[in-house]
Amino acid sequence: MTSGDASRRSRRLWIGGAREAPLDSVAAIFDLDGLLVDSEPLWVRAEREVFAGVGLGLTDQDCARTTGLRIDEVTAWWFARRPWTGAGPAELAARIVTRVAELMATEGRALPGAQQAVAMLAAAGVPLALASSSSHRLIDAALDRLDLGAAFPVRCSAQDEARGKPDPAVYLRAAAALSLPPAACVALEDSPSGLAAALAAGMRCIAVPDPARRAEPCWGDALCVLDSLEALDLATWRRLSALAAAVGA
């Protein structure tokens, strides 16, 4: 190897002051709702319909207050603040899930860049996992709708944990399923509770927030903030995963 070859190799290995890691050494753990699939409007419709059935009139802004929580936590949250009679929180949660599944099957659509980003990382050999607040039923329905099922053999639901996001349990489970330490994983999230969960798990996080929430100060804790997953090309992933690996070393 000539000195010129060594110099060029050195420049390839160092990106923003961080040594570039092999692509299979840092995993990407994706959230689902609001990041890969544009399901938030479906959740809002389902929640408003079902809560209206017990006399609780919610606005879109009301529903935004619980974005990122498990649906059982959402119904419990509202029951604690505006209790109703009749079907309890658990029953309402089940009804909402059923309604979202119906809407997902016919109206679910990928968010900009979602399918391309997942396909790009999978083709490059990056280990992938999903860590969602949704139930396995909805995770499977969404991935089937987006034709992304094959990319995510590891699918973790916060429904399997004692607590949902911002508790880190679902992210810790995903890292364990990949046989990687949390520091070797980068989460991709759109919600403040998801960002908090990833950070609490010891991961770095790429944030892709809804434009309406981009001004919130919490995003300053993210590795970076992207307008959409269309901005995540392989060069950007190499740079960000290298920075995450350097911090976790």
C-alpha atoms as a PDB file:
ATOM      1  CA  MET A   1       0.000   0.000   0.000  1.00  0.00           C
ATOM      2  CA  THR A   2       1.384   3.426  -0.952  1.00  0.00           C
ATOM      3  CA  SER A   3       1.322   6.404   1.365  1.00  0.00           C
ATOM      4  CA  GLY A   4      -1.351   7.924  -0.873  1.00  0.00           C
ATOM      5  CA  ASP A   5      -3.525   4.798  -0.522  1.00  0.00           C
ATOM      6  CA  ALA A   6      -3.104   4.899   3.245  1.00  0.00           C
ATOM      7  CA  SER A   7      -4.048   8.556   3.337  1.00  0.00           C
ATOM      8  CA  ARG A   8      -7.217   7.949   1.290  1.00  0.00           C
ATOM      9  CA  ARG A   9      -8.125   4.984   3.519  1.00  0.00           C
ATOM     10  CA  SER A  10      -7.652   7.157   6.587  1.00  0.00           C
ATOM     11  CA  ARG A  11     -10.015   9.763   5.184  1.00  0.00           C
ATOM     12  CA  ARG A  12     -12.613   7.066   4.527  1.00  0.00           C
ATOM     13  CA  LEU A  13     -12.350   5.725   8.075  1.00  0.00           C
ATOM     14  CA  TRP A  14     -12.728   9.060   9.836  1.00  0.00           C
ATOM     15  CA  ILE A  15     -15.969  10.946   9.430  1.00  0.00           C
ATOM     16  CA  GLY A  16     -16.573  14.021  11.538  1.00  0.00           C
ATOM     17  CA  GLY A  17     -13.839  12.879  13.912  1.00  0.00           C
ATOM     18  CA  ALA A  18     -15.317   9.385  14.374  1.00  0.00           C
ATOM     19  CA  ARG A  19     -13.939   6.132  12.959  1.00  0.00           C
ATOM     20  CA  GLU A  20     -16.297   4.522  10.484  1.00  0.00           C
ATOM     21  CA  ALA A  21     -17.587   1.211  11.819  1.00  0.00           C
ATOM     22  CA  PRO A  22     -18.435  -1.806   9.658  1.00  0.00           C
ATOM     23  CA  LEU A  23     -22.043  -1.525   8.526  1.00  0.00           C
ATOM     24  CA  ASP A  24     -23.037  -4.722  10.331  1.00  0.00           C
ATOM     25  CA  SER A  25     -21.668  -3.536  13.679  1.00  0.00           C
ATOM     26  CA  VAL A  26     -24.217  -0.785  14.380  1.00  0.00           C
ATOM     27  CA  ALA A  27     -27.926  -1.633  14.233  1.00  0.00           C
ATOM     28  CA  ALA A  28     -30.842   0.552  13.200  1.00  0.00           C
ATOM     29  CA  ILE A  29     -33.908   0.166  15.408  1.00  0.00           C
ATOM     30  CA  PHE A  30     -36.973   1.796  13.893  1.00  0.00           C
ATOM     31  CA  ASP A  31     -40.113   3.069  15.520  1.00  0.00           C
ATOM     32  CA  LEU A  32     -43.224   2.424  13.439  1.00  0.00           C
ATOM     33  CA  ASP A  33     -46.134   4.833  13.853  1.00  0.00           C
ATOM     34  CA  GLY A  34     -45.376   8.295  12.530  1.00  0.00           C
ATOM     35  CA  LEU A  35     -41.941   7.237  11.288  1.00  0.00           C
ATOM     36  CA  LEU A  36     -42.457   4.438   8.761  1.00  0.00           C
ATOM     37  CA  VAL A  37     -46.213   4.482   8.378  1.00  0.00           C
ATOM     38  CA  ASP A  38     -48.489   7.509   8.389  1.00  0.00           C
ATOM     39  CA  SER A  39     -50.714   5.949  11.006  1.00  0.00           C
ATOM     40  CA  GLU A  40     -51.123   8.891  13.371  1.00  0.00           C
ATOM     41  CA  PRO A  41     -54.203  10.181  11.478  1.00  0.00           C
ATOM     42  CA  LEU A  42     -55.651   6.657  11.660  1.00  0.00           C
ATOM     43  CA  TRP A  43     -55.052   6.500  15.418  1.00  0.00           C
ATOM     44  CA  VAL A  44     -56.659   9.908  15.866  1.00  0.00           C
ATOM     45  CA  ARG A  45     -59.739   8.870  13.893  1.00  0.00           C
ATOM     46  CA  ALA A  46     -60.056   5.609  15.789  1.00  0.00           C
ATOM     47  CA  GLU A  47     -59.545   7.223  19.204  1.00  0.00           C
ATOM     48  CA  ARG A  48     -62.039   9.995  18.525  1.00  0.00           C
ATOM     49  CA  GLU A  49     -64.652   7.534  17.249  1.00  0.00           C
ATOM     50  CA  VAL A  50     -64.283   5.085  20.129  1.00  0.00           C
ATOM     51  CA  PHE A  51     -64.038   7.692  22.889  1.00  0.00           C
ATOM     52  CA  ALA A  52     -67.092   9.455  21.466  1.00  0.00           C
ATOM     53  CA  GLY A  53     -68.982   6.210  22.064  1.00  0.00           C
ATOM     54  CA  VAL A  54     -68.585   6.692  25.819  1.00  0.00           C
ATOM     55  CA  GLY A  55     -69.311  10.405  25.705  1.00  0.00           C
ATOM     56  CA  LEU A  56     -65.741  11.675  25.626  1.00  0.00           C
ATOM     57  CA  GLY A  57     -65.271  14.204  22.860  1.00  0.00           C
ATOM     58  CA  LEU A  58     -61.607  14.506  21.940  1.00  0.00           C
ATOM     59  CA  THR A  59     -60.034  16.933  19.501  1.00  0.00           C
ATOM     60  CA  ASP A  60     -57.033  16.232  17.285  1.00  0.00           C
ATOM     61  CA  GLN A  61     -54.997  18.321  19.713  1.00  0.00           C
ATOM     62  CA  ASP A  62     -56.188  16.171  22.627  1.00  0.00           C
ATOM     63  CA  CYS A  63     -55.023  13.042  20.829  1.00  0.00           C
ATOM     64  CA  ALA A  64     -51.627  14.600  20.141  1.00  0.00           C
ATOM     65  CA  ARG A  65     -51.018  14.812  23.897  1.00  0.00           C
ATOM     66  CA  THR A  66     -50.650  11.030  24.138  1.00  0.00           C
ATOM     67  CA  THR A  67     -48.669  10.385  20.943  1.00  0.00           C
ATOM     68  CA  GLY A  68     -46.100   7.631  21.462  1.00  0.00           C
ATOM     69  CA  LEU A  69     -47.857   5.969  24.405  1.00  0.00           C
ATOM     70  CA  ARG A  70     -49.234   2.428  24.324  1.00  0.00           C
ATOM     71  CA  ILE A  71     -52.947   2.431  23.627  1.00  0.00           C
ATOM     72  CA  ASP A  72     -53.760   0.908  27.020  1.00  0.00           C
ATOM     73  CA  GLU A  73     -51.817   3.767  28.586  1.00  0.00           C
ATOM     74  CA  VAL A  74     -53.751   6.247  26.443  1.00  0.00           C
ATOM     75  CA  THR A  75     -57.139   4.988  27.591  1.00  0.00           C
ATOM     76  CA  ALA A  76     -55.967   4.822  31.213  1.00  0.00           C
ATOM     77  CA  TRP A  77     -54.583   8.369  30.925  1.00  0.00           C
ATOM     78  CA  TRP A  78     -57.913   9.741  29.752  1.00  0.00           C
ATOM     79  CA  PHE A  79     -59.937   7.720  32.262  1.00  0.00           C
ATOM     80  CA  ALA A  80     -57.864   9.196  35.086  1.00  0.00           C
ATOM     81  CA  ARG A  81     -58.592  12.719  33.875  1.00  0.00           C
ATOM     82  CA  ARG A  82     -62.097  12.483  32.396  1.00  0.00           C
ATOM     83  CA  PRO A  83     -63.693   9.277  33.714  1.00  0.00           C
ATOM     84  CA  TRP A  84     -66.679   7.783  31.932  1.00  0.00           C
ATOM     85  CA  THR A  85     -69.225   5.059  32.603  1.00  0.00           C
ATOM     86  CA  GLY A  86     -69.714   1.849  30.690  1.00  0.00           C
ATOM     87  CA  ALA A  87     -66.883   0.015  28.967  1.00  0.00           C
ATOM     88  CA  GLY A  88     -63.611   0.338  30.843  1.00  0.00           C
ATOM     89  CA  PRO A  89     -60.212   1.502  29.570  1.00  0.00           C
ATOM     90  CA  ALA A  90     -59.086  -1.997  28.562  1.00  0.00           C
ATOM     91  CA  GLU A  91     -62.190  -2.573  26.449  1.00  0.00           C
ATOM     92  CA  LEU A  92     -61.815   0.792  24.765  1.00  0.00           C
ATOM     93  CA  ALA A  93     -58.166   0.042  24.005  1.00  0.00           C
ATOM     94  CA  ALA A  94     -59.199  -3.202  22.288  1.00  0.00           C
ATOM     95  CA  ARG A  95     -61.844  -1.385  20.247  1.00  0.00           C
ATOM     96  CA  ILE A  96     -59.355   1.246  19.133  1.00  0.00           C
ATOM     97  CA  VAL A  97     -56.844  -1.407  18.045  1.00  0.00           C
ATOM     98  CA  THR A  98     -59.531  -3.173  16.015  1.00  0.00           C
ATOM     99  CA  ARG A  99     -60.528   0.062  14.328  1.00  0.00           C
ATOM    100  CA  VAL A 100     -56.925   1.039  13.539  1.00  0.00           C
ATOM    101  CA  ALA A 101     -56.312  -2.424  12.046  1.00  0.00           C
ATOM    102  CA  GLU A 102     -59.319  -1.921   9.771  1.00  0.00           C
ATOM    103  CA  LEU A 103     -58.086   1.489   8.660  1.00  0.00           C
ATOM    104  CA  MET A 104     -54.502   0.285   8.247  1.00  0.00           C
ATOM    105  CA  ALA A 105     -55.543  -2.479   5.866  1.00  0.00           C
ATOM    106  CA  THR A 106     -57.177  -0.032   3.479  1.00  0.00           C
ATOM    107  CA  GLU A 107     -55.583   3.369   4.094  1.00  0.00           C
ATOM    108  CA  GLY A 108     -52.140   2.822   5.627  1.00  0.00           C
ATOM    109  CA  ARG A 109     -49.377   4.488   3.625  1.00  0.00           C
ATOM    110  CA  ALA A 110     -45.628   4.809   3.942  1.00  0.00           C
ATOM    111  CA  LEU A 111     -44.167   8.120   5.020  1.00  0.00           C
ATOM    112  CA  PRO A 112     -41.709   9.793   2.604  1.00  0.00           C
ATOM    113  CA  GLY A 113     -38.479   7.844   2.283  1.00  0.00           C
ATOM    114  CA  ALA A 114     -39.522   5.082   4.681  1.00  0.00           C
ATOM    115  CA  GLN A 115     -39.473   2.132   2.300  1.00  0.00           C
ATOM    116  CA  GLN A 116     -36.346   3.338   0.561  1.00  0.00           C
ATOM    117  CA  ALA A 117     -34.436   3.898   3.817  1.00  0.00           C
ATOM    118  CA  VAL A 118     -35.292   0.454   5.150  1.00  0.00           C
ATOM    119  CA  ALA A 119     -34.432  -1.236   1.853  1.00  0.00           C
ATOM    120  CA  MET A 120     -31.128   0.667   1.629  1.00  0.00           C
ATOM    121  CA  LEU A 121     -29.986  -0.301   5.127  1.00  0.00           C
ATOM    122  CA  ALA A 122     -31.109  -3.906   4.721  1.00  0.00           C
ATOM    123  CA  ALA A 123     -29.234  -4.221   1.413  1.00  0.00           C
ATOM    124  CA  ALA A 124     -26.108  -2.775   3.048  1.00  0.00           C
ATOM    125  CA  GLY A 125     -26.193  -5.450   5.765  1.00  0.00           C
ATOM    126  CA  VAL A 126     -27.175  -3.156   8.644  1.00  0.00           C
ATOM    127  CA  PRO A 127     -28.938  -5.177  11.386  1.00  0.00           C
ATOM    128  CA  LEU A 128     -32.555  -4.000  11.622  1.00  0.00           C
ATOM    129  CA  ALA A 129     -35.229  -4.232  14.290  1.00  0.00           C
ATOM    130  CA  LEU A 130     -38.550  -2.613  15.064  1.00  0.00           C
ATOM    131  CA  ALA A 131     -39.444  -1.251  18.517  1.00  0.00           C
ATOM    132  CA  SER A 132     -43.017  -0.002  18.581  1.00  0.00           C
ATOM    133  CA  SER A 133     -45.659   0.984  21.099  1.00  0.00           C
ATOM    134  CA  SER A 134     -48.227  -0.786  18.919  1.00  0.00           C
ATOM    135  CA  SER A 135     -49.384  -4.354  19.397  1.00  0.00           C
ATOM    136  CA  HIS A 136     -47.940  -7.193  17.337  1.00  0.00           C
ATOM    137  CA  ARG A 137     -51.231  -7.310  15.445  1.00  0.00           C
ATOM    138  CA  LEU A 138     -50.798  -3.727  14.255  1.00  0.00           C
ATOM    139  CA  ILE A 139     -47.057  -4.064  13.677  1.00  0.00           C
ATOM    140  CA  ASP A 140     -47.661  -7.014  11.374  1.00  0.00           C
ATOM    141  CA  ALA A 141     -50.559  -5.263   9.614  1.00  0.00           C
ATOM    142  CA  ALA A 142     -48.492  -2.138   8.960  1.00  0.00           C
ATOM    143  CA  LEU A 143     -45.415  -3.999   7.712  1.00  0.00           C
ATOM    144  CA  ASP A 144     -47.579  -6.134   5.440  1.00  0.00           C
ATOM    145  CA  ARG A 145     -49.288  -3.028   4.084  1.00  0.00           C
ATOM    146  CA  LEU A 146     -45.911  -1.406   3.358  1.00  0.00           C
ATOM    147  CA  ASP A 147     -44.348  -4.642   2.063  1.00  0.00           C
ATOM    148  CA  LEU A 148     -41.564  -4.352   4.656  1.00  0.00           C
ATOM    149  CA  GLY A 149     -42.154  -7.574   6.557  1.00  0.00           C
ATOM    150  CA  ALA A 150     -39.055  -9.343   5.244  1.00  0.00           C
ATOM    151  CA  ALA A 151     -36.806  -6.501   6.419  1.00  0.00           C
ATOM    152  CA  PHE A 152     -37.822  -6.875  10.065  1.00  0.00           C
ATOM    153  CA  PRO A 153     -37.459 -10.398  11.455  1.00  0.00           C
ATOM    154  CA  VAL A 154     -36.990  -8.713  14.857  1.00  0.00           C
ATOM    155  CA  ARG A 155     -40.215  -6.991  15.883  1.00  0.00           C
ATOM    156  CA  CYS A 156     -40.631  -5.829  19.462  1.00  0.00           C
ATOM    157  CA  SER A 157     -43.822  -4.447  20.942  1.00  0.00           C
ATOM    158  CA  ALA A 158     -44.030  -2.366  24.108  1.00  0.00           C
ATOM    159  CA  GLN A 159     -47.244  -4.283  24.763  1.00  0.00           C
ATOM    160  CA  ASP A 160     -44.975  -7.097  25.969  1.00  0.00           C
ATOM    161  CA  GLU A 161     -43.359  -4.851  28.592  1.00  0.00           C
ATOM    162  CA  ALA A 162     -44.512  -3.693  32.004  1.00  0.00           C
ATOM    163  CA  ARG A 163     -44.310  -0.097  30.776  1.00  0.00           C
ATOM    164  CA  GLY A 164     -44.289   1.519  27.374  1.00  0.00           C
ATOM    165  CA  LYS A 165     -42.199   4.359  26.029  1.00  0.00           C
ATOM    166  CA  PRO A 166     -40.623   6.524  27.467  1.00  0.00           C
ATOM    167  CA  ASP A 167     -39.554   3.469  29.470  1.00  0.00           C
ATOM    168  CA  PRO A 168     -36.576   1.904  27.642  1.00  0.00           C
ATOM    169  CA  ALA A 169     -37.716  -1.719  27.960  1.00  0.00           C
ATOM    170  CA  VAL A 170     -38.840  -2.208  24.350  1.00  0.00           C
ATOM    171  CA  TYR A 171     -35.532  -0.844  23.042  1.00  0.00           C
ATOM    172  CA  LEU A 172     -33.536  -3.007  25.412  1.00  0.00           C
ATOM    173  CA  ARG A 173     -35.487  -6.050  24.221  1.00  0.00           C
ATOM    174  CA  ALA A 174     -34.761  -5.169  20.590  1.00  0.00           C
ATOM    175  CA  ALA A 175     -31.024  -4.811  21.246  1.00  0.00           C
ATOM    176  CA  ALA A 176     -30.976  -8.151  23.061  1.00  0.00           C
ATOM    177  CA  ALA A 177     -32.819  -9.809  20.166  1.00  0.00           C
ATOM    178  CA  LEU A 178     -30.097  -8.515  17.830  1.00  0.00           C
ATOM    179  CA  SER A 179     -27.394  -9.767  20.231  1.00  0.00           C
ATOM    180  CA  LEU A 180     -25.929  -6.267  20.363  1.00  0.00           C
ATOM    181  CA  PRO A 181     -25.310  -3.915  23.282  1.00  0.00           C
ATOM    182  CA  PRO A 182     -27.566  -0.842  23.341  1.00  0.00           C
ATOM    183  CA  ALA A 183     -24.580   1.401  22.614  1.00  0.00           C
ATOM    184  CA  ALA A 184     -24.196  -0.396  19.269  1.00  0.00           C
ATOM    185  CA  CYS A 185     -27.731   0.551  18.229  1.00  0.00           C
ATOM    186  CA  VAL A 186     -29.135   3.745  16.753  1.00  0.00           C
ATOM    187  CA  ALA A 187     -32.851   4.352  17.203  1.00  0.00           C
ATOM    188  CA  LEU A 188     -34.972   6.238  14.696  1.00  0.00           C
ATOM    189  CA  GLU A 189     -37.913   8.035  16.286  1.00  0.00           C
ATOM    190  CA  ASP A 190     -40.548  10.670  15.631  1.00  0.00           C
ATOM    191  CA  SER A 191     -41.962  11.234  19.138  1.00  0.00           C
ATOM    192  CA  PRO A 192     -40.526  12.792  22.304  1.00  0.00           C
ATOM    193  CA  SER A 193     -41.476   9.705  24.330  1.00  0.00           C
ATOM    194  CA  GLY A 194     -39.698   7.463  21.823  1.00  0.00           C
ATOM    195  CA  LEU A 195     -36.602   9.649  21.897  1.00  0.00           C
ATOM    196  CA  ALA A 196     -36.599   9.508  25.699  1.00  0.00           C
ATOM    197  CA  ALA A 197     -36.964   5.712  25.615  1.00  0.00           C
ATOM    198  CA  ALA A 198     -34.038   5.287  23.235  1.00  0.00           C
ATOM    199  CA  LEU A 199     -31.783   7.575  25.261  1.00  0.00           C
ATOM    200  CA  ALA A 200     -32.745   5.835  28.510  1.00  0.00           C
ATOM    201  CA  ALA A 201     -31.774   2.524  26.879  1.00  0.00           C
ATOM    202  CA  GLY A 202     -28.276   3.893  26.242  1.00  0.00           C
ATOM    203  CA  MET A 203     -28.747   4.382  22.499  1.00  0.00           C
ATOM    204  CA  ARG A 204     -28.232   7.388  20.266  1.00  0.00           C
ATOM    205  CA  CYS A 205     -31.266   8.504  18.300  1.00  0.00           C
ATOM    206  CA  ILE A 206     -31.978   9.981  14.891  1.00  0.00           C
ATOM    207  CA  ALA A 207     -35.108  12.100  15.203  1.00  0.00           C
ATOM    208  CA  VAL A 208     -37.615  12.569  12.397  1.00  0.00           C
ATOM    209  CA  PRO A 209     -40.296  14.650  14.129  1.00  0.00           C
ATOM    210  CA  ASP A 210     -43.562  15.873  12.778  1.00  0.00           C
ATOM    211  CA  PRO A 211     -42.988  19.412  11.478  1.00  0.00           C
ATOM    212  CA  ALA A 212     -45.549  20.722  13.967  1.00  0.00           C
ATOM    213  CA  ARG A 213     -43.372  19.472  16.854  1.00  0.00           C
ATOM    214  CA  ARG A 214     -39.945  20.214  15.479  1.00  0.00           C
ATOM    215  CA  ALA A 215     -39.473  23.338  17.653  1.00  0.00           C
ATOM    216  CA  GLU A 216     -39.727  21.323  20.882  1.00  0.00           C
ATOM    217  CA  PRO A 217     -36.457  21.489  22.856  1.00  0.00           C
ATOM    218  CA  CYS A 218     -36.213  17.726  23.419  1.00  0.00           C
ATOM    219  CA  TRP A 219     -34.840  17.185  19.899  1.00  0.00           C
ATOM    220  CA  GLY A 220     -31.592  18.796  20.985  1.00  0.00           C
ATOM    221  CA  ASP A 221     -30.754  15.455  22.649  1.00  0.00           C
ATOM    222  CA  ALA A 222     -30.937  13.587  19.329  1.00  0.00           C
ATOM    223  CA  LEU A 223     -27.911  12.590  17.279  1.00  0.00           C
ATOM    224  CA  CYS A 224     -29.449  14.622  14.477  1.00  0.00           C
ATOM    225  CA  VAL A 225     -32.862  15.801  13.295  1.00  0.00           C
ATOM    226  CA  LEU A 226     -34.034  14.947   9.769  1.00  0.00           C
ATOM    227  CA  ASP A 227     -36.945  16.476   7.893  1.00  0.00           C
ATOM    228  CA  SER A 228     -37.912  13.003   6.655  1.00  0.00           C
ATOM    229  CA  LEU A 229     -36.367   9.620   5.994  1.00  0.00           C
ATOM    230  CA  GLU A 230     -35.740  10.796   2.444  1.00  0.00           C
ATOM    231  CA  ALA A 231     -32.681  12.534   3.909  1.00  0.00           C
ATOM    232  CA  LEU A 232     -31.207   9.267   5.179  1.00  0.00           C
ATOM    233  CA  ASP A 233     -28.842   8.075   2.471  1.00  0.00           C
ATOM    234  CA  LEU A 234     -26.068   5.571   3.069  1.00  0.00           C
ATOM    235  CA  ALA A 235     -23.388   8.254   3.470  1.00  0.00           C
ATOM    236  CA  THR A 236     -25.478   9.948   6.161  1.00  0.00           C
ATOM    237  CA  TRP A 237     -26.027   6.631   7.943  1.00  0.00           C
ATOM    238  CA  ARG A 238     -22.291   5.873   7.876  1.00  0.00           C
ATOM    239  CA  ARG A 239     -21.516   9.269   9.382  1.00  0.00           C
ATOM    240  CA  LEU A 240     -24.186   9.102  12.092  1.00  0.00           C
ATOM    241  CA  SER A 241     -23.546   5.482  13.041  1.00  0.00           C
ATOM    242  CA  ALA A 242     -19.825   6.276  13.284  1.00  0.00           C
ATOM    243  CA  LEU A 243     -20.558   9.136  15.664  1.00  0.00           C
ATOM    244  CA  ALA A 244     -22.851   6.913  17.724  1.00  0.00           C
ATOM    245  CA  ALA A 245     -20.215   4.168  17.874  1.00  0.00           C
ATOM    246  CA  ALA A 246     -17.576   6.687  18.950  1.00  0.00           C
ATOM    247  CA  VAL A 247     -19.745   8.008  21.774  1.00  0.00           C
ATOM    248  CA  GLY A 248     -20.642   4.499  22.900  1.00  0.00           C
ATOM    249  CA  ALA A 249     -17.026   3.275  22.879  1.00  0.00           C
END
